[in-house]
Amino acid sequence: MPADRSRAGRSPEASTPAEAHCARFADLDRASLDPVHFSGPPERCDARGKPIAGQRFFGDCEFPGQGGWGYACPACIADLGLRFGWGQGQLYRRTDEAEPRWRMVAGFPPADTSG
């Protein structure tokens, strides 16, 4: 879970319970430190085939018990209990820019503590 829950849970654009579920994982402060963007969004959710276009979030996640990774829409993230973290999955949020991009907001690599 994000360290700053006050910003993590705030998502005025979350229009569905599934989007609100995803917003709880989002750490917008961490995402702004070193922005990582997904190159070209996937077209469809791999679990149920729902289009990703028009969604506020999508996950690039491990599907536990199914032996692989795939893309997931907010409803599948919530319904299947998909998780985010290094080695589990990354959550992306569509930006509000004129040309929307998908910024990673959860599932960041571990912090470098070597130095």
N, C-alpha and C. Protein backbone atom coordinates (compact mmCIF):
# COMPACT_ATOMS: atom_id res chain seq x y z
N MET A 1 0.83 -1.18 0.00
CA MET A 1 0.00 0.00 0.00
C MET A 1 0.88 1.25 0.00
N PRO A 2 0.39 2.34 -0.56
CA PRO A 2 1.17 3.57 -0.61
C PRO A 2 1.39 4.16 0.77
N ALA A 3 2.49 4.87 0.89
CA ALA A 3 2.83 5.49 2.17
C ALA A 3 1.88 6.65 2.47
N ASP A 4 1.53 7.45 1.47
CA ASP A 4 0.68 8.61 1.68
C ASP A 4 -0.75 8.27 1.27
N ARG A 5 -1.51 7.76 2.20
CA ARG A 5 -2.87 7.29 1.88
C ARG A 5 -3.82 8.47 1.62
N SER A 6 -3.48 9.68 2.06
CA SER A 6 -4.37 10.81 1.84
C SER A 6 -4.48 11.12 0.35
N ARG A 7 -3.39 11.06 -0.36
CA ARG A 7 -3.45 11.29 -1.80
C ARG A 7 -3.78 10.01 -2.54
N ALA A 8 -3.37 8.87 -1.99
CA ALA A 8 -3.57 7.61 -2.69
C ALA A 8 -5.04 7.30 -2.89
N GLY A 9 -5.89 7.57 -1.90
CA GLY A 9 -7.29 7.22 -2.01
C GLY A 9 -8.14 8.28 -2.67
N ARG A 10 -7.58 9.44 -2.91
CA ARG A 10 -8.36 10.54 -3.50
C ARG A 10 -8.37 10.39 -5.01
N SER A 11 -9.55 10.19 -5.55
CA SER A 11 -9.67 10.02 -6.98
C SER A 11 -11.04 10.51 -7.44
N PRO A 12 -11.20 11.82 -7.63
CA PRO A 12 -12.51 12.35 -7.98
C PRO A 12 -13.03 11.79 -9.31
N GLU A 13 -12.15 11.31 -10.17
CA GLU A 13 -12.58 10.81 -11.46
C GLU A 13 -13.02 9.34 -11.39
N ALA A 14 -12.89 8.71 -10.24
CA ALA A 14 -13.30 7.31 -10.10
C ALA A 14 -14.82 7.26 -10.15
N SER A 15 -15.35 6.80 -11.27
CA SER A 15 -16.79 6.84 -11.46
C SER A 15 -17.47 5.51 -11.16
N THR A 16 -16.70 4.48 -10.88
CA THR A 16 -17.27 3.17 -10.58
C THR A 16 -16.61 2.62 -9.32
N PRO A 17 -17.25 1.67 -8.65
CA PRO A 17 -16.60 1.03 -7.50
C PRO A 17 -15.27 0.37 -7.88
N ALA A 18 -15.18 -0.18 -9.08
CA ALA A 18 -13.93 -0.82 -9.51
C ALA A 18 -12.82 0.21 -9.67
N GLU A 19 -13.13 1.39 -10.21
CA GLU A 19 -12.12 2.45 -10.32
C GLU A 19 -11.71 2.95 -8.94
N ALA A 20 -12.68 3.05 -8.03
CA ALA A 20 -12.35 3.47 -6.66
C ALA A 20 -11.44 2.43 -5.99
N HIS A 21 -11.67 1.16 -6.26
CA HIS A 21 -10.82 0.09 -5.75
C HIS A 21 -9.39 0.29 -6.26
N CYS A 22 -9.24 0.55 -7.54
CA CYS A 22 -7.90 0.77 -8.12
C CYS A 22 -7.25 2.01 -7.54
N ALA A 23 -8.02 3.06 -7.34
CA ALA A 23 -7.48 4.32 -6.83
C ALA A 23 -6.85 4.14 -5.45
N ARG A 24 -7.33 3.19 -4.67
CA ARG A 24 -6.77 2.96 -3.34
C ARG A 24 -5.32 2.46 -3.41
N PHE A 25 -4.94 1.84 -4.50
CA PHE A 25 -3.57 1.35 -4.66
C PHE A 25 -2.62 2.44 -5.16
N ALA A 26 -3.16 3.46 -5.81
CA ALA A 26 -2.35 4.46 -6.50
C ALA A 26 -1.59 5.34 -5.52
N ASP A 27 -0.30 5.47 -5.76
CA ASP A 27 0.56 6.36 -4.98
C ASP A 27 1.03 7.46 -5.94
N LEU A 28 0.25 8.54 -6.01
CA LEU A 28 0.51 9.60 -6.97
C LEU A 28 1.80 10.36 -6.67
N ASP A 29 2.16 10.45 -5.38
CA ASP A 29 3.42 11.12 -5.03
C ASP A 29 4.61 10.34 -5.58
N ARG A 30 4.64 9.06 -5.35
CA ARG A 30 5.74 8.22 -5.86
C ARG A 30 5.75 8.23 -7.39
N ALA A 31 4.58 8.19 -8.00
CA ALA A 31 4.50 8.19 -9.46
C ALA A 31 5.08 9.46 -10.06
N SER A 32 5.00 10.56 -9.36
CA SER A 32 5.51 11.82 -9.90
C SER A 32 7.01 11.99 -9.70
N LEU A 33 7.63 11.20 -8.82
CA LEU A 33 9.08 11.31 -8.58
C LEU A 33 9.89 10.91 -9.79
N ASP A 34 9.53 9.83 -10.41
CA ASP A 34 10.24 9.31 -11.58
C ASP A 34 9.19 8.68 -12.51
N PRO A 35 8.47 9.51 -13.26
CA PRO A 35 7.34 9.01 -14.03
C PRO A 35 7.74 7.91 -15.03
N VAL A 36 6.98 6.82 -14.98
CA VAL A 36 7.14 5.72 -15.93
C VAL A 36 5.81 5.59 -16.65
N HIS A 37 5.88 5.58 -17.98
CA HIS A 37 4.67 5.48 -18.79
C HIS A 37 4.65 4.18 -19.59
N PHE A 38 3.48 3.62 -19.73
CA PHE A 38 3.29 2.42 -20.54
C PHE A 38 3.28 2.86 -21.99
N SER A 39 4.01 2.14 -22.81
CA SER A 39 4.11 2.49 -24.22
C SER A 39 2.95 1.86 -24.99
N GLY A 40 1.97 2.68 -25.31
CA GLY A 40 0.81 2.20 -26.05
C GLY A 40 -0.06 1.28 -25.22
N PRO A 41 -1.25 1.71 -24.85
CA PRO A 41 -2.09 0.89 -23.99
C PRO A 41 -2.56 -0.38 -24.69
N PRO A 42 -2.82 -1.42 -23.92
CA PRO A 42 -3.39 -2.63 -24.52
C PRO A 42 -4.81 -2.33 -25.01
N GLU A 43 -5.28 -3.12 -25.94
CA GLU A 43 -6.63 -2.90 -26.47
C GLU A 43 -7.71 -3.47 -25.57
N ARG A 44 -7.45 -4.66 -25.01
CA ARG A 44 -8.51 -5.35 -24.26
C ARG A 44 -7.95 -6.00 -22.99
N CYS A 45 -8.84 -6.18 -22.05
CA CYS A 45 -8.55 -6.93 -20.83
C CYS A 45 -8.39 -8.40 -21.21
N ASP A 46 -7.33 -9.01 -20.74
CA ASP A 46 -7.08 -10.42 -21.06
C ASP A 46 -7.99 -11.37 -20.30
N ALA A 47 -8.59 -10.92 -19.22
CA ALA A 47 -9.45 -11.80 -18.44
C ALA A 47 -10.84 -11.95 -19.06
N ARG A 48 -11.43 -10.82 -19.45
CA ARG A 48 -12.81 -10.87 -19.96
C ARG A 48 -13.02 -10.18 -21.29
N GLY A 49 -11.96 -9.65 -21.87
CA GLY A 49 -12.07 -9.04 -23.19
C GLY A 49 -12.64 -7.64 -23.24
N LYS A 50 -12.84 -7.01 -22.09
CA LYS A 50 -13.40 -5.66 -22.06
C LYS A 50 -12.38 -4.66 -22.63
N PRO A 51 -12.83 -3.69 -23.44
CA PRO A 51 -11.89 -2.68 -23.97
C PRO A 51 -11.23 -1.87 -22.85
N ILE A 52 -9.95 -1.55 -23.04
CA ILE A 52 -9.22 -0.73 -22.07
C ILE A 52 -9.48 0.75 -22.36
N ALA A 53 -9.67 1.10 -23.63
CA ALA A 53 -9.95 2.50 -23.99
C ALA A 53 -11.16 2.98 -23.20
N GLY A 54 -11.06 4.18 -22.66
CA GLY A 54 -12.15 4.73 -21.87
C GLY A 54 -12.06 4.41 -20.40
N GLN A 55 -11.17 3.49 -20.01
CA GLN A 55 -10.98 3.16 -18.60
C GLN A 55 -10.04 4.19 -17.98
N ARG A 56 -10.11 4.34 -16.68
CA ARG A 56 -9.22 5.25 -15.96
C ARG A 56 -7.94 4.54 -15.53
N PHE A 57 -8.03 3.22 -15.30
CA PHE A 57 -6.90 2.41 -14.86
C PHE A 57 -6.84 1.13 -15.67
N PHE A 58 -5.65 0.54 -15.72
CA PHE A 58 -5.51 -0.85 -16.14
C PHE A 58 -4.31 -1.43 -15.42
N GLY A 59 -4.30 -2.74 -15.29
CA GLY A 59 -3.19 -3.42 -14.64
C GLY A 59 -2.47 -4.33 -15.61
N ASP A 60 -1.18 -4.43 -15.44
CA ASP A 60 -0.34 -5.42 -16.11
C ASP A 60 0.07 -6.36 -14.99
N CYS A 61 -0.68 -7.46 -14.83
CA CYS A 61 -0.65 -8.23 -13.59
C CYS A 61 -0.44 -9.72 -13.82
N GLU A 62 0.06 -10.34 -12.75
CA GLU A 62 0.07 -11.79 -12.69
C GLU A 62 -1.35 -12.25 -12.36
N PHE A 63 -1.80 -13.27 -13.07
CA PHE A 63 -3.11 -13.86 -12.79
C PHE A 63 -2.85 -15.11 -11.96
N PRO A 64 -2.94 -15.01 -10.63
CA PRO A 64 -2.64 -16.15 -9.76
C PRO A 64 -3.48 -17.38 -10.13
N GLY A 65 -2.82 -18.51 -10.12
CA GLY A 65 -3.50 -19.76 -10.41
C GLY A 65 -3.73 -20.02 -11.89
N GLN A 66 -3.34 -19.07 -12.73
CA GLN A 66 -3.55 -19.23 -14.16
C GLN A 66 -2.24 -19.33 -14.93
N GLY A 67 -1.13 -19.25 -14.21
CA GLY A 67 0.17 -19.46 -14.83
C GLY A 67 0.65 -18.40 -15.79
N GLY A 68 0.28 -17.16 -15.58
CA GLY A 68 0.79 -16.13 -16.47
C GLY A 68 0.38 -14.73 -16.08
N TRP A 69 0.79 -13.80 -16.91
CA TRP A 69 0.51 -12.39 -16.74
C TRP A 69 -0.42 -11.94 -17.84
N GLY A 70 -1.09 -10.81 -17.61
CA GLY A 70 -1.94 -10.24 -18.64
C GLY A 70 -2.40 -8.85 -18.24
N TYR A 71 -3.17 -8.26 -19.11
CA TYR A 71 -3.74 -6.95 -18.86
C TYR A 71 -5.12 -7.11 -18.24
N ALA A 72 -5.45 -6.22 -17.31
CA ALA A 72 -6.73 -6.32 -16.61
C ALA A 72 -7.39 -4.95 -16.51
N CYS A 73 -8.69 -4.93 -16.74
CA CYS A 73 -9.49 -3.72 -16.56
C CYS A 73 -9.79 -3.54 -15.07
N PRO A 74 -10.28 -2.38 -14.65
CA PRO A 74 -10.57 -2.16 -13.23
C PRO A 74 -11.53 -3.19 -12.64
N ALA A 75 -12.55 -3.58 -13.37
CA ALA A 75 -13.51 -4.56 -12.83
C ALA A 75 -12.83 -5.89 -12.54
N CYS A 76 -11.97 -6.34 -13.43
CA CYS A 76 -11.27 -7.61 -13.20
C CYS A 76 -10.24 -7.49 -12.09
N ILE A 77 -9.59 -6.34 -11.98
CA ILE A 77 -8.66 -6.12 -10.88
C ILE A 77 -9.38 -6.31 -9.55
N ALA A 78 -10.56 -5.70 -9.43
CA ALA A 78 -11.33 -5.81 -8.20
C ALA A 78 -11.91 -7.21 -8.02
N ASP A 79 -12.54 -7.75 -9.04
CA ASP A 79 -13.22 -9.05 -8.94
C ASP A 79 -12.26 -10.21 -8.69
N LEU A 80 -11.08 -10.14 -9.31
CA LEU A 80 -10.12 -11.24 -9.19
C LEU A 80 -9.12 -11.03 -8.05
N GLY A 81 -9.19 -9.88 -7.39
CA GLY A 81 -8.28 -9.60 -6.28
C GLY A 81 -6.84 -9.50 -6.72
N LEU A 82 -6.61 -8.91 -7.90
CA LEU A 82 -5.24 -8.79 -8.39
C LEU A 82 -4.46 -7.81 -7.54
N ARG A 83 -3.15 -8.06 -7.42
CA ARG A 83 -2.28 -7.31 -6.52
C ARG A 83 -1.22 -6.55 -7.32
N PHE A 84 -0.65 -5.55 -6.66
CA PHE A 84 0.39 -4.74 -7.29
C PHE A 84 1.61 -4.70 -6.40
N GLY A 85 2.76 -4.85 -7.03
CA GLY A 85 4.04 -4.83 -6.36
C GLY A 85 5.05 -5.42 -7.32
N TRP A 86 6.31 -5.20 -7.02
CA TRP A 86 7.37 -5.72 -7.88
C TRP A 86 7.26 -7.24 -7.93
N GLY A 87 7.09 -7.80 -9.10
CA GLY A 87 6.92 -9.24 -9.25
C GLY A 87 5.47 -9.70 -9.18
N GLN A 88 4.54 -8.77 -8.91
CA GLN A 88 3.12 -9.11 -8.87
C GLN A 88 2.32 -8.40 -9.95
N GLY A 89 2.61 -7.14 -10.16
CA GLY A 89 1.88 -6.38 -11.17
C GLY A 89 2.08 -4.89 -11.02
N GLN A 90 1.78 -4.18 -12.11
CA GLN A 90 1.86 -2.74 -12.12
C GLN A 90 0.48 -2.19 -12.47
N LEU A 91 0.13 -1.08 -11.84
CA LEU A 91 -1.12 -0.40 -12.10
C LEU A 91 -0.81 0.90 -12.82
N TYR A 92 -1.57 1.18 -13.87
CA TYR A 92 -1.40 2.39 -14.67
C TYR A 92 -2.68 3.21 -14.63
N ARG A 93 -2.50 4.52 -14.59
CA ARG A 93 -3.63 5.47 -14.57
C ARG A 93 -3.50 6.38 -15.79
N ARG A 94 -4.61 6.58 -16.47
CA ARG A 94 -4.62 7.48 -17.64
C ARG A 94 -4.43 8.91 -17.16
N THR A 95 -3.56 9.64 -17.80
CA THR A 95 -3.32 11.04 -17.45
C THR A 95 -4.40 11.92 -18.07
N ASP A 96 -4.48 13.13 -17.60
CA ASP A 96 -5.47 14.08 -18.12
C ASP A 96 -4.87 15.02 -19.16
N GLU A 97 -3.76 14.62 -19.74
CA GLU A 97 -3.10 15.47 -20.72
C GLU A 97 -3.90 15.49 -22.02
N ALA A 98 -3.61 16.49 -22.88
CA ALA A 98 -4.29 16.57 -24.18
C ALA A 98 -4.12 15.26 -24.95
N GLU A 99 -2.94 14.70 -24.89
CA GLU A 99 -2.66 13.38 -25.45
C GLU A 99 -2.50 12.44 -24.27
N PRO A 100 -3.55 11.76 -23.86
CA PRO A 100 -3.46 10.92 -22.66
C PRO A 100 -2.36 9.87 -22.75
N ARG A 101 -1.71 9.67 -21.62
CA ARG A 101 -0.69 8.64 -21.49
C ARG A 101 -1.06 7.81 -20.28
N TRP A 102 -0.42 6.66 -20.12
CA TRP A 102 -0.68 5.77 -19.00
C TRP A 102 0.53 5.78 -18.08
N ARG A 103 0.38 6.37 -16.89
CA ARG A 103 1.46 6.49 -15.92
C ARG A 103 1.34 5.39 -14.86
N MET A 104 2.49 4.76 -14.55
CA MET A 104 2.51 3.77 -13.48
C MET A 104 2.25 4.47 -12.15
N VAL A 105 1.28 3.92 -11.39
CA VAL A 105 0.93 4.52 -10.10
C VAL A 105 1.02 3.51 -8.96
N ALA A 106 1.34 2.26 -9.25
CA ALA A 106 1.54 1.24 -8.22
C ALA A 106 2.33 0.09 -8.82
N GLY A 107 3.05 -0.63 -7.95
CA GLY A 107 3.86 -1.75 -8.40
C GLY A 107 5.27 -1.34 -8.77
N PHE A 108 5.77 -0.33 -8.10
CA PHE A 108 7.09 0.22 -8.39
C PHE A 108 8.21 -0.76 -8.02
N PRO A 109 9.39 -0.58 -8.66
CA PRO A 109 10.52 -1.41 -8.24
C PRO A 109 10.93 -1.06 -6.80
N PRO A 110 11.58 -1.98 -6.13
CA PRO A 110 12.03 -1.69 -4.76
C PRO A 110 12.97 -0.49 -4.75
N ALA A 111 12.91 0.27 -3.67
CA ALA A 111 13.82 1.41 -3.53
C ALA A 111 15.24 0.91 -3.41
N ASP A 112 16.17 1.66 -4.01
CA ASP A 112 17.59 1.30 -3.91
C ASP A 112 18.10 1.72 -2.55
N THR A 113 18.45 0.76 -1.72
CA THR A 113 18.93 1.07 -0.37
C THR A 113 20.43 0.82 -0.23
N SER A 114 21.12 0.68 -1.36
CA SER A 114 22.54 0.36 -1.31
C SER A 114 23.42 1.57 -1.01
N GLY A 115 22.88 2.77 -1.18
CA GLY A 115 23.75 3.88 -1.11
C GLY A 115 23.56 4.83 -0.08
